[in-house]
Amino acid sequence: MTKKRPQSSAVPERMERPRLYVQLADHIARFIEAQGLSPGDRLPPERRLAAELGVSRATLSRALVALEVQGKVEVQHGNGAVVLAPTASQEAGPDLPLFLAERDLGELARAREAVMSGLARSAAAHPDRSLRLALLDADGRPVRFSDTWPCVRRLAGESLLADLDDLLSEAAPLDDTEVSADRLTALARAVVVGDADAAAAACAHLLQL
């Protein structure tokens, strides 16, 4: 008797679809272009715009934030979204912030930790120990991300990594509760003593997203 071949349980991978707010941001950007709106022109009020587009105000707000990050509109509280003049970078090619807006928080966190690791290494290698100590010695106070990271950035100086950190921080803003306090303390101590390897290692799993 012939044995039946077991049926495979494998299924095709789920198709990746752009998030609704990303599609909506693209739609609004095309609308701005199609209508020939000029810098200073205003989009309809959010409540009306959301109703006309058939989306929630929360989704519309996220789309407007994405457009604001791209530099296409400025959201003014009480006045709605105002069209901005295109920048040279927008005219030149694809918009990196929109590319980042399509990524989930886990991907953004891993990417930012990698960038932070390089910046932390540079900060710990800063030749002026007294400056490292003055900026990062907690003096018995709790170490907070909102205080510590700007100091690390100042010590690391300007670089491509710093520019990337700016982009990632715009795509996924952080507050103190989203950062591991223990690893942040380890990072600050490593920078103070000038241990570049330990400073870089402290950035692994620093973000709790």
N, C-alpha and C. Protein backbone atom coordinates (compact mmCIF):
# COMPACT_ATOMS: atom_id res chain seq x y z
N MET A 1 0.85 -1.19 0.00
CA MET A 1 0.00 0.00 0.00
C MET A 1 0.89 1.24 0.00
N THR A 2 0.51 2.19 -0.85
CA THR A 2 1.31 3.43 -0.94
C THR A 2 0.97 4.35 0.21
N LYS A 3 2.03 4.82 0.84
CA LYS A 3 1.84 5.77 1.93
C LYS A 3 1.58 7.17 1.37
N LYS A 4 0.59 7.81 1.99
CA LYS A 4 0.32 9.19 1.58
C LYS A 4 1.38 10.13 2.13
N ARG A 5 1.80 11.02 1.30
CA ARG A 5 2.79 12.00 1.76
C ARG A 5 2.10 12.99 2.69
N PRO A 6 2.72 13.24 3.85
CA PRO A 6 2.10 14.19 4.77
C PRO A 6 2.00 15.57 4.13
N GLN A 7 0.87 16.20 4.35
CA GLN A 7 0.69 17.55 3.82
C GLN A 7 1.55 18.54 4.57
N SER A 8 2.17 19.40 3.84
CA SER A 8 3.04 20.41 4.47
C SER A 8 2.19 21.44 5.18
N SER A 9 2.63 21.82 6.38
CA SER A 9 1.90 22.83 7.15
C SER A 9 2.45 24.23 6.88
N ALA A 10 3.47 24.26 6.01
CA ALA A 10 4.09 25.56 5.75
C ALA A 10 3.11 26.46 4.99
N VAL A 11 3.14 27.72 5.33
CA VAL A 11 2.29 28.70 4.64
C VAL A 11 3.18 29.85 4.21
N PRO A 12 2.76 30.58 3.19
CA PRO A 12 3.57 31.75 2.80
C PRO A 12 3.67 32.75 3.93
N GLU A 13 4.79 33.46 3.95
CA GLU A 13 4.95 34.48 4.98
C GLU A 13 3.93 35.59 4.79
N ARG A 14 3.53 36.20 5.91
CA ARG A 14 2.57 37.29 5.85
C ARG A 14 3.14 38.47 5.07
N MET A 15 2.31 39.03 4.22
CA MET A 15 2.75 40.18 3.43
C MET A 15 2.89 41.39 4.33
N GLU A 16 3.99 42.11 4.13
CA GLU A 16 4.20 43.34 4.88
C GLU A 16 3.40 44.47 4.21
N ARG A 17 2.58 45.14 5.00
CA ARG A 17 1.81 46.25 4.47
C ARG A 17 2.18 47.52 5.21
N PRO A 18 2.30 48.62 4.50
CA PRO A 18 2.61 49.87 5.20
C PRO A 18 1.53 50.18 6.21
N ARG A 19 1.90 50.75 7.33
CA ARG A 19 0.91 51.12 8.33
C ARG A 19 0.00 52.20 7.77
N LEU A 20 -1.22 52.25 8.33
CA LEU A 20 -2.22 53.16 7.79
C LEU A 20 -1.76 54.60 7.84
N TYR A 21 -1.10 55.00 8.95
CA TYR A 21 -0.71 56.41 9.04
C TYR A 21 0.38 56.76 8.02
N VAL A 22 1.21 55.75 7.64
CA VAL A 22 2.24 55.99 6.62
C VAL A 22 1.57 56.19 5.26
N GLN A 23 0.59 55.32 4.95
CA GLN A 23 -0.16 55.49 3.70
C GLN A 23 -0.87 56.84 3.69
N LEU A 24 -1.43 57.20 4.85
CA LEU A 24 -2.16 58.47 4.94
C LEU A 24 -1.22 59.66 4.74
N ALA A 25 -0.02 59.58 5.31
CA ALA A 25 0.96 60.67 5.13
C ALA A 25 1.32 60.82 3.66
N ASP A 26 1.51 59.71 2.97
CA ASP A 26 1.80 59.76 1.52
C ASP A 26 0.62 60.39 0.77
N HIS A 27 -0.60 60.00 1.16
CA HIS A 27 -1.80 60.51 0.49
C HIS A 27 -1.91 62.03 0.67
N ILE A 28 -1.66 62.50 1.89
CA ILE A 28 -1.75 63.94 2.15
C ILE A 28 -0.65 64.69 1.40
N ALA A 29 0.55 64.10 1.35
CA ALA A 29 1.65 64.74 0.61
C ALA A 29 1.31 64.87 -0.87
N ARG A 30 0.69 63.82 -1.42
CA ARG A 30 0.28 63.89 -2.84
C ARG A 30 -0.83 64.93 -3.03
N PHE A 31 -1.73 65.02 -2.05
CA PHE A 31 -2.80 66.02 -2.12
C PHE A 31 -2.22 67.43 -2.13
N ILE A 32 -1.23 67.68 -1.28
CA ILE A 32 -0.59 69.00 -1.22
C ILE A 32 0.01 69.36 -2.57
N GLU A 33 0.67 68.36 -3.19
CA GLU A 33 1.30 68.60 -4.49
C GLU A 33 0.26 68.80 -5.59
N ALA A 34 -0.79 67.94 -5.57
CA ALA A 34 -1.81 67.99 -6.62
C ALA A 34 -2.60 69.30 -6.57
N GLN A 35 -2.82 69.79 -5.35
CA GLN A 35 -3.59 71.03 -5.20
C GLN A 35 -2.73 72.28 -5.40
N GLY A 36 -1.43 72.07 -5.55
CA GLY A 36 -0.53 73.20 -5.73
C GLY A 36 -0.49 74.12 -4.52
N LEU A 37 -0.60 73.52 -3.32
CA LEU A 37 -0.57 74.34 -2.11
C LEU A 37 0.81 74.95 -1.93
N SER A 38 0.83 76.19 -1.49
CA SER A 38 2.09 76.93 -1.33
C SER A 38 2.48 76.99 0.14
N PRO A 39 3.75 77.28 0.42
CA PRO A 39 4.18 77.46 1.81
C PRO A 39 3.31 78.50 2.51
N GLY A 40 2.82 78.17 3.68
CA GLY A 40 1.95 79.07 4.42
C GLY A 40 0.48 78.71 4.31
N ASP A 41 0.12 77.93 3.26
CA ASP A 41 -1.27 77.47 3.14
C ASP A 41 -1.57 76.48 4.25
N ARG A 42 -2.83 76.45 4.68
CA ARG A 42 -3.22 75.57 5.77
C ARG A 42 -4.06 74.40 5.26
N LEU A 43 -3.86 73.24 5.86
CA LEU A 43 -4.74 72.11 5.60
C LEU A 43 -6.03 72.33 6.39
N PRO A 44 -7.11 71.66 6.01
CA PRO A 44 -8.35 71.78 6.78
C PRO A 44 -8.14 71.38 8.24
N PRO A 45 -8.99 71.85 9.16
CA PRO A 45 -8.88 71.47 10.57
C PRO A 45 -8.88 69.94 10.72
N GLU A 46 -8.17 69.45 11.74
CA GLU A 46 -8.00 68.00 11.90
C GLU A 46 -9.32 67.25 11.96
N ARG A 47 -10.30 67.78 12.71
CA ARG A 47 -11.57 67.07 12.84
C ARG A 47 -12.23 66.88 11.46
N ARG A 48 -12.24 67.97 10.68
CA ARG A 48 -12.85 67.91 9.35
C ARG A 48 -12.04 67.02 8.41
N LEU A 49 -10.72 67.15 8.47
CA LEU A 49 -9.85 66.36 7.58
C LEU A 49 -9.99 64.88 7.87
N ALA A 50 -10.03 64.51 9.16
CA ALA A 50 -10.18 63.10 9.54
C ALA A 50 -11.52 62.56 9.03
N ALA A 51 -12.59 63.37 9.16
CA ALA A 51 -13.91 62.92 8.70
C ALA A 51 -13.92 62.74 7.19
N GLU A 52 -13.32 63.68 6.46
CA GLU A 52 -13.33 63.59 4.99
C GLU A 52 -12.49 62.42 4.49
N LEU A 53 -11.41 62.10 5.22
CA LEU A 53 -10.53 61.00 4.80
C LEU A 53 -11.02 59.64 5.33
N GLY A 54 -11.99 59.67 6.27
CA GLY A 54 -12.52 58.42 6.81
C GLY A 54 -11.56 57.70 7.74
N VAL A 55 -10.77 58.46 8.51
CA VAL A 55 -9.83 57.88 9.47
C VAL A 55 -10.06 58.50 10.84
N SER A 56 -9.48 57.88 11.86
CA SER A 56 -9.60 58.44 13.21
C SER A 56 -8.67 59.64 13.34
N ARG A 57 -8.96 60.48 14.31
CA ARG A 57 -8.09 61.64 14.53
C ARG A 57 -6.71 61.19 15.02
N ALA A 58 -6.66 60.07 15.75
CA ALA A 58 -5.36 59.56 16.23
C ALA A 58 -4.48 59.17 15.05
N THR A 59 -5.06 58.47 14.07
CA THR A 59 -4.29 58.08 12.88
C THR A 59 -3.86 59.30 12.09
N LEU A 60 -4.77 60.27 11.96
CA LEU A 60 -4.42 61.51 11.25
C LEU A 60 -3.30 62.25 11.96
N SER A 61 -3.34 62.29 13.28
CA SER A 61 -2.30 62.98 14.05
C SER A 61 -0.94 62.34 13.80
N ARG A 62 -0.89 60.99 13.77
CA ARG A 62 0.38 60.30 13.51
C ARG A 62 0.88 60.61 12.11
N ALA A 63 -0.04 60.68 11.14
CA ALA A 63 0.36 60.99 9.76
C ALA A 63 0.92 62.41 9.69
N LEU A 64 0.29 63.35 10.39
CA LEU A 64 0.78 64.73 10.38
C LEU A 64 2.15 64.85 11.06
N VAL A 65 2.35 64.04 12.12
CA VAL A 65 3.67 64.03 12.77
C VAL A 65 4.73 63.52 11.80
N ALA A 66 4.38 62.46 11.04
CA ALA A 66 5.33 61.94 10.04
C ALA A 66 5.66 63.00 9.00
N LEU A 67 4.64 63.75 8.56
CA LEU A 67 4.88 64.82 7.59
C LEU A 67 5.68 65.96 8.20
N GLU A 68 5.48 66.19 9.50
CA GLU A 68 6.23 67.25 10.17
C GLU A 68 7.70 66.87 10.28
N VAL A 69 7.96 65.59 10.59
CA VAL A 69 9.34 65.10 10.65
C VAL A 69 10.01 65.23 9.28
N GLN A 70 9.24 65.03 8.22
CA GLN A 70 9.78 65.16 6.86
C GLN A 70 10.00 66.62 6.47
N GLY A 71 9.46 67.55 7.26
CA GLY A 71 9.61 68.96 6.93
C GLY A 71 8.61 69.45 5.89
N LYS A 72 7.51 68.71 5.72
CA LYS A 72 6.52 69.10 4.71
C LYS A 72 5.41 69.97 5.29
N VAL A 73 5.13 69.80 6.57
CA VAL A 73 4.13 70.64 7.23
C VAL A 73 4.65 71.01 8.62
N GLU A 74 4.04 72.02 9.18
CA GLU A 74 4.29 72.37 10.58
C GLU A 74 2.94 72.35 11.28
N VAL A 75 2.83 71.53 12.33
CA VAL A 75 1.57 71.42 13.05
C VAL A 75 1.57 72.47 14.16
N GLN A 76 0.67 73.42 14.04
CA GLN A 76 0.57 74.51 15.01
C GLN A 76 -0.70 74.30 15.83
N HIS A 77 -0.52 74.15 17.14
CA HIS A 77 -1.67 73.89 18.01
C HIS A 77 -2.65 75.06 17.92
N GLY A 78 -3.88 74.71 17.61
CA GLY A 78 -4.92 75.73 17.49
C GLY A 78 -5.07 76.26 16.08
N ASN A 79 -4.04 76.06 15.24
CA ASN A 79 -4.10 76.58 13.87
C ASN A 79 -4.06 75.49 12.81
N GLY A 80 -3.86 74.25 13.22
CA GLY A 80 -3.80 73.16 12.25
C GLY A 80 -2.43 73.03 11.61
N ALA A 81 -2.39 72.31 10.49
CA ALA A 81 -1.12 72.03 9.80
C ALA A 81 -0.89 73.05 8.69
N VAL A 82 0.32 73.62 8.68
CA VAL A 82 0.70 74.64 7.70
C VAL A 82 1.72 74.03 6.75
N VAL A 83 1.53 74.22 5.45
CA VAL A 83 2.45 73.69 4.44
C VAL A 83 3.76 74.45 4.50
N LEU A 84 4.88 73.71 4.45
CA LEU A 84 6.20 74.32 4.46
C LEU A 84 6.84 74.24 3.07
N ALA A 85 7.82 75.09 2.86
CA ALA A 85 8.56 75.06 1.60
C ALA A 85 9.43 73.81 1.56
N PRO A 86 9.54 73.12 0.41
CA PRO A 86 10.39 71.93 0.32
C PRO A 86 11.85 72.30 0.52
N THR A 87 12.58 71.45 1.23
CA THR A 87 14.00 71.67 1.44
C THR A 87 14.79 71.04 0.30
N ALA A 88 16.07 71.37 0.24
CA ALA A 88 16.93 70.81 -0.81
C ALA A 88 16.99 69.30 -0.71
N SER A 89 17.01 68.76 0.52
CA SER A 89 17.11 67.31 0.68
C SER A 89 15.85 66.62 0.19
N GLN A 90 14.67 67.27 0.36
CA GLN A 90 13.44 66.67 -0.13
C GLN A 90 13.42 66.62 -1.64
N GLU A 91 13.97 67.67 -2.30
CA GLU A 91 13.99 67.72 -3.75
C GLU A 91 15.00 66.73 -4.32
N ALA A 92 16.02 66.38 -3.52
CA ALA A 92 17.12 65.57 -4.04
C ALA A 92 16.81 64.09 -4.10
N GLY A 93 15.97 63.56 -3.19
CA GLY A 93 15.76 62.12 -3.22
C GLY A 93 14.86 61.65 -2.10
N PRO A 94 14.88 60.33 -1.78
CA PRO A 94 13.99 59.75 -0.79
C PRO A 94 14.18 60.37 0.58
N ASP A 95 13.11 60.34 1.37
CA ASP A 95 13.14 60.96 2.69
C ASP A 95 13.42 59.90 3.74
N LEU A 96 14.57 60.00 4.40
CA LEU A 96 14.96 59.01 5.40
C LEU A 96 14.01 58.97 6.59
N PRO A 97 13.54 60.12 7.13
CA PRO A 97 12.62 60.02 8.26
C PRO A 97 11.37 59.20 7.95
N LEU A 98 10.82 59.29 6.73
CA LEU A 98 9.66 58.49 6.40
C LEU A 98 10.03 57.01 6.38
N PHE A 99 11.22 56.69 5.88
CA PHE A 99 11.70 55.30 5.91
C PHE A 99 11.75 54.79 7.35
N LEU A 100 12.21 55.64 8.28
CA LEU A 100 12.28 55.24 9.68
C LEU A 100 10.88 55.13 10.29
N ALA A 101 9.96 55.98 9.85
CA ALA A 101 8.61 55.96 10.40
C ALA A 101 7.90 54.65 10.11
N GLU A 102 8.34 53.94 9.06
CA GLU A 102 7.72 52.67 8.69
C GLU A 102 8.23 51.50 9.53
N ARG A 103 9.26 51.72 10.33
CA ARG A 103 9.86 50.64 11.12
C ARG A 103 9.18 50.53 12.48
N ASP A 104 9.17 49.30 13.04
CA ASP A 104 8.56 49.16 14.36
C ASP A 104 9.55 49.58 15.44
N LEU A 105 9.03 49.74 16.66
CA LEU A 105 9.85 50.27 17.76
C LEU A 105 11.01 49.36 18.10
N GLY A 106 10.82 48.03 17.95
CA GLY A 106 11.91 47.11 18.24
C GLY A 106 13.11 47.32 17.33
N GLU A 107 12.84 47.49 16.03
CA GLU A 107 13.91 47.75 15.07
C GLU A 107 14.60 49.08 15.36
N LEU A 108 13.81 50.09 15.65
CA LEU A 108 14.37 51.41 15.93
C LEU A 108 15.24 51.36 17.20
N ALA A 109 14.78 50.62 18.21
CA ALA A 109 15.54 50.51 19.46
C ALA A 109 16.89 49.83 19.21
N ARG A 110 16.88 48.74 18.44
CA ARG A 110 18.15 48.03 18.16
C ARG A 110 19.10 48.92 17.37
N ALA A 111 18.54 49.63 16.40
CA ALA A 111 19.40 50.52 15.59
C ALA A 111 19.97 51.64 16.45
N ARG A 112 19.14 52.20 17.33
CA ARG A 112 19.63 53.32 18.15
C ARG A 112 20.66 52.83 19.17
N GLU A 113 20.47 51.64 19.71
CA GLU A 113 21.46 51.10 20.64
C GLU A 113 22.82 50.94 19.96
N ALA A 114 22.81 50.51 18.69
CA ALA A 114 24.07 50.36 17.95
C ALA A 114 24.74 51.72 17.76
N VAL A 115 23.93 52.73 17.42
CA VAL A 115 24.48 54.08 17.25
C VAL A 115 24.97 54.62 18.59
N MET A 116 24.19 54.40 19.63
CA MET A 116 24.58 54.87 20.97
C MET A 116 25.90 54.24 21.42
N SER A 117 26.08 52.98 21.07
CA SER A 117 27.31 52.28 21.45
C SER A 117 28.53 53.00 20.90
N GLY A 118 28.47 53.40 19.63
CA GLY A 118 29.59 54.14 19.03
C GLY A 118 29.80 55.49 19.68
N LEU A 119 28.70 56.19 19.97
CA LEU A 119 28.81 57.50 20.61
C LEU A 119 29.35 57.38 22.02
N ALA A 120 28.91 56.35 22.75
CA ALA A 120 29.39 56.14 24.12
C ALA A 120 30.90 55.85 24.13
N ARG A 121 31.34 55.07 23.14
CA ARG A 121 32.78 54.77 23.03
C ARG A 121 33.58 56.06 22.81
N SER A 122 33.06 56.93 21.93
CA SER A 122 33.74 58.20 21.67
C SER A 122 33.74 59.10 22.91
N ALA A 123 32.63 59.11 23.63
CA ALA A 123 32.54 59.93 24.84
C ALA A 123 33.54 59.49 25.90
N ALA A 124 33.67 58.17 26.06
CA ALA A 124 34.60 57.64 27.07
C ALA A 124 36.05 57.91 26.69
N ALA A 125 36.29 58.07 25.38
CA ALA A 125 37.66 58.34 24.91
C ALA A 125 37.99 59.82 24.91
N HIS A 126 37.06 60.67 25.37
CA HIS A 126 37.33 62.11 25.41
C HIS A 126 38.56 62.36 26.29
N PRO A 127 39.54 63.14 25.82
CA PRO A 127 40.81 63.26 26.55
C PRO A 127 40.71 64.04 27.87
N ASP A 128 39.67 64.84 28.05
CA ASP A 128 39.58 65.68 29.25
C ASP A 128 38.77 64.96 30.33
N ARG A 129 39.49 64.28 31.25
CA ARG A 129 38.80 63.52 32.30
C ARG A 129 37.99 64.44 33.20
N SER A 130 38.48 65.63 33.46
CA SER A 130 37.76 66.54 34.34
C SER A 130 36.40 66.93 33.74
N LEU A 131 36.35 67.06 32.42
CA LEU A 131 35.08 67.37 31.77
C LEU A 131 34.14 66.17 31.85
N ARG A 132 34.69 64.97 31.65
CA ARG A 132 33.86 63.76 31.76
C ARG A 132 33.28 63.67 33.17
N LEU A 133 34.11 63.94 34.15
CA LEU A 133 33.68 63.86 35.54
C LEU A 133 32.64 64.93 35.85
N ALA A 134 32.87 66.15 35.38
CA ALA A 134 31.95 67.25 35.67
C ALA A 134 30.58 67.01 35.05
N LEU A 135 30.56 66.42 33.86
CA LEU A 135 29.30 66.23 33.17
C LEU A 135 28.50 65.04 33.69
N LEU A 136 29.20 63.98 34.07
CA LEU A 136 28.50 62.72 34.32
C LEU A 136 28.57 62.20 35.76
N ASP A 137 29.32 62.85 36.64
CA ASP A 137 29.34 62.39 38.02
C ASP A 137 27.99 62.71 38.65
N ALA A 138 27.25 61.67 39.06
CA ALA A 138 25.88 61.86 39.53
C ALA A 138 25.82 62.52 40.91
N ASP A 139 26.89 62.46 41.69
CA ASP A 139 26.94 63.10 43.00
C ASP A 139 25.78 62.63 43.89
N GLY A 140 25.49 61.33 43.82
CA GLY A 140 24.44 60.77 44.68
C GLY A 140 23.04 60.92 44.14
N ARG A 141 22.87 61.68 43.06
CA ARG A 141 21.53 61.85 42.50
C ARG A 141 21.20 60.70 41.54
N PRO A 142 19.92 60.40 41.35
CA PRO A 142 19.55 59.34 40.39
C PRO A 142 20.02 59.71 38.98
N VAL A 143 20.52 58.72 38.27
CA VAL A 143 20.96 58.95 36.90
C VAL A 143 19.73 58.85 35.98
N ARG A 144 19.48 59.89 35.20
CA ARG A 144 18.32 59.91 34.31
C ARG A 144 18.78 60.06 32.87
N PHE A 145 18.07 59.41 31.97
CA PHE A 145 18.43 59.45 30.55
C PHE A 145 18.40 60.89 30.02
N SER A 146 17.37 61.65 30.41
CA SER A 146 17.21 63.00 29.90
C SER A 146 18.36 63.92 30.32
N ASP A 147 19.06 63.57 31.40
CA ASP A 147 20.23 64.35 31.83
C ASP A 147 21.52 63.76 31.27
N THR A 148 21.60 62.42 31.29
CA THR A 148 22.86 61.74 30.97
C THR A 148 23.18 61.73 29.49
N TRP A 149 22.20 61.41 28.64
CA TRP A 149 22.52 61.23 27.22
C TRP A 149 23.00 62.52 26.56
N PRO A 150 22.39 63.70 26.85
CA PRO A 150 22.94 64.93 26.26
C PRO A 150 24.40 65.16 26.63
N CYS A 151 24.80 64.75 27.84
CA CYS A 151 26.20 64.89 28.25
C CYS A 151 27.11 63.95 27.45
N VAL A 152 26.64 62.71 27.25
CA VAL A 152 27.40 61.77 26.44
C VAL A 152 27.56 62.32 25.03
N ARG A 153 26.50 62.87 24.49
CA ARG A 153 26.54 63.43 23.14
C ARG A 153 27.53 64.59 23.05
N ARG A 154 27.54 65.42 24.08
CA ARG A 154 28.47 66.56 24.07
C ARG A 154 29.92 66.07 24.08
N LEU A 155 30.19 65.05 24.87
CA LEU A 155 31.55 64.50 24.94
C LEU A 155 31.93 63.80 23.63
N ALA A 156 30.95 63.16 22.99
CA ALA A 156 31.24 62.41 21.75
C ALA A 156 31.52 63.34 20.58
N GLY A 157 30.94 64.56 20.61
CA GLY A 157 31.18 65.51 19.54
C GLY A 157 30.32 65.25 18.31
N GLU A 158 30.48 66.10 17.31
CA GLU A 158 29.70 65.99 16.08
C GLU A 158 30.27 64.89 15.19
N SER A 159 29.39 64.11 14.60
CA SER A 159 29.81 63.02 13.71
C SER A 159 28.58 62.51 12.98
N LEU A 160 28.81 61.58 12.05
CA LEU A 160 27.70 60.94 11.36
C LEU A 160 26.84 60.17 12.35
N LEU A 161 27.46 59.53 13.34
CA LEU A 161 26.70 58.80 14.35
C LEU A 161 25.77 59.74 15.11
N ALA A 162 26.24 60.95 15.40
CA ALA A 162 25.41 61.92 16.10
C ALA A 162 24.20 62.31 15.24
N ASP A 163 24.43 62.48 13.94
CA ASP A 163 23.32 62.80 13.03
C ASP A 163 22.30 61.65 12.98
N LEU A 164 22.81 60.42 12.95
CA LEU A 164 21.92 59.27 12.94
C LEU A 164 21.13 59.17 14.25
N ASP A 165 21.78 59.48 15.35
CA ASP A 165 21.09 59.47 16.65
C ASP A 165 19.96 60.49 16.66
N ASP A 166 20.20 61.65 16.06
CA ASP A 166 19.16 62.68 15.97
C ASP A 166 17.96 62.16 15.18
N LEU A 167 18.22 61.51 14.04
CA LEU A 167 17.14 60.98 13.22
C LEU A 167 16.34 59.91 13.96
N LEU A 168 17.05 59.00 14.63
CA LEU A 168 16.38 57.92 15.35
C LEU A 168 15.60 58.45 16.54
N SER A 169 16.12 59.48 17.20
CA SER A 169 15.40 60.04 18.35
C SER A 169 14.13 60.76 17.90
N GLU A 170 14.13 61.31 16.67
CA GLU A 170 12.92 61.93 16.14
C GLU A 170 11.89 60.86 15.78
N ALA A 171 12.37 59.74 15.24
CA ALA A 171 11.45 58.68 14.83
C ALA A 171 10.83 57.97 16.03
N ALA A 172 11.57 57.85 17.12
CA ALA A 172 11.06 57.16 18.32
C ALA A 172 11.55 57.90 19.56
N PRO A 173 10.90 59.00 19.93
CA PRO A 173 11.33 59.75 21.11
C PRO A 173 11.27 58.89 22.38
N LEU A 174 12.18 59.15 23.30
CA LEU A 174 12.26 58.36 24.53
C LEU A 174 12.02 59.25 25.74
N ASP A 175 11.51 58.64 26.81
CA ASP A 175 11.53 59.34 28.09
C ASP A 175 12.28 58.47 29.09
N ASP A 176 12.46 58.97 30.30
CA ASP A 176 13.31 58.29 31.28
C ASP A 176 12.80 56.89 31.64
N THR A 177 11.49 56.66 31.54
CA THR A 177 10.93 55.36 31.94
C THR A 177 11.22 54.27 30.92
N GLU A 178 11.67 54.63 29.72
CA GLU A 178 11.90 53.64 28.67
C GLU A 178 13.36 53.22 28.57
N VAL A 179 14.15 53.58 29.56
CA VAL A 179 15.58 53.28 29.56
C VAL A 179 15.92 52.51 30.84
N SER A 180 16.75 51.47 30.70
CA SER A 180 17.18 50.69 31.86
C SER A 180 18.05 51.55 32.77
N ALA A 181 17.59 51.77 34.00
CA ALA A 181 18.32 52.62 34.94
C ALA A 181 19.69 52.03 35.27
N ASP A 182 19.75 50.70 35.43
CA ASP A 182 21.01 50.05 35.79
C ASP A 182 22.05 50.21 34.67
N ARG A 183 21.62 49.99 33.44
CA ARG A 183 22.57 50.10 32.31
C ARG A 183 22.97 51.55 32.08
N LEU A 184 22.04 52.47 32.34
CA LEU A 184 22.37 53.89 32.18
C LEU A 184 23.41 54.30 33.21
N THR A 185 23.26 53.80 34.45
CA THR A 185 24.26 54.08 35.49
C THR A 185 25.62 53.51 35.11
N ALA A 186 25.60 52.28 34.57
CA ALA A 186 26.85 51.65 34.13
C ALA A 186 27.50 52.45 33.01
N LEU A 187 26.68 52.96 32.10
CA LEU A 187 27.18 53.77 30.99
C LEU A 187 27.86 55.04 31.52
N ALA A 188 27.19 55.73 32.43
CA ALA A 188 27.74 56.98 32.98
C ALA A 188 29.06 56.71 33.69
N ARG A 189 29.12 55.66 34.50
CA ARG A 189 30.35 55.34 35.24
C ARG A 189 31.49 54.98 34.30
N ALA A 190 31.17 54.21 33.22
CA ALA A 190 32.21 53.81 32.28
C ALA A 190 32.78 55.02 31.56
N VAL A 191 31.92 55.97 31.20
CA VAL A 191 32.40 57.18 30.52
C VAL A 191 33.28 58.00 31.46
N VAL A 192 32.86 58.12 32.73
CA VAL A 192 33.63 58.90 33.70
C VAL A 192 35.04 58.35 33.87
N VAL A 193 35.17 57.01 33.94
CA VAL A 193 36.50 56.42 34.16
C VAL A 193 37.25 56.21 32.85
N GLY A 194 36.61 56.52 31.73
CA GLY A 194 37.31 56.40 30.44
C GLY A 194 37.40 55.00 29.90
N ASP A 195 36.45 54.11 30.29
CA ASP A 195 36.47 52.74 29.80
C ASP A 195 35.55 52.64 28.57
N ALA A 196 36.13 52.79 27.40
CA ALA A 196 35.34 52.84 26.16
C ALA A 196 34.60 51.53 25.90
N ASP A 197 35.25 50.38 26.16
CA ASP A 197 34.60 49.09 25.92
C ASP A 197 33.38 48.91 26.83
N ALA A 198 33.53 49.26 28.10
CA ALA A 198 32.41 49.11 29.04
C ALA A 198 31.28 50.08 28.70
N ALA A 199 31.63 51.28 28.25
CA ALA A 199 30.61 52.25 27.86
C ALA A 199 29.80 51.74 26.68
N ALA A 200 30.50 51.18 25.69
CA ALA A 200 29.80 50.63 24.52
C ALA A 200 28.94 49.43 24.92
N ALA A 201 29.46 48.56 25.78
CA ALA A 201 28.72 47.37 26.20
C ALA A 201 27.47 47.74 26.99
N ALA A 202 27.52 48.84 27.74
CA ALA A 202 26.37 49.25 28.55
C ALA A 202 25.17 49.65 27.69
N CYS A 203 25.41 49.95 26.42
CA CYS A 203 24.31 50.38 25.55
C CYS A 203 23.50 49.20 25.02
N ALA A 204 24.02 47.96 25.18
CA ALA A 204 23.25 46.80 24.75
C ALA A 204 22.04 46.64 25.66
N HIS A 205 20.87 46.54 25.07
CA HIS A 205 19.60 46.41 25.81
C HIS A 205 19.36 47.58 26.76
N LEU A 206 19.90 48.74 26.40
CA LEU A 206 19.68 49.94 27.21
C LEU A 206 18.23 50.41 27.11
N LEU A 207 17.64 50.27 25.91
CA LEU A 207 16.30 50.77 25.67
C LEU A 207 15.28 49.65 25.92
N GLN A 208 14.28 49.94 26.69
CA GLN A 208 13.29 48.95 27.10
C GLN A 208 12.01 49.13 26.29
N LEU A 209 12.12 48.95 24.95
CA LEU A 209 10.96 49.14 24.07
C LEU A 209 10.49 47.79 23.57
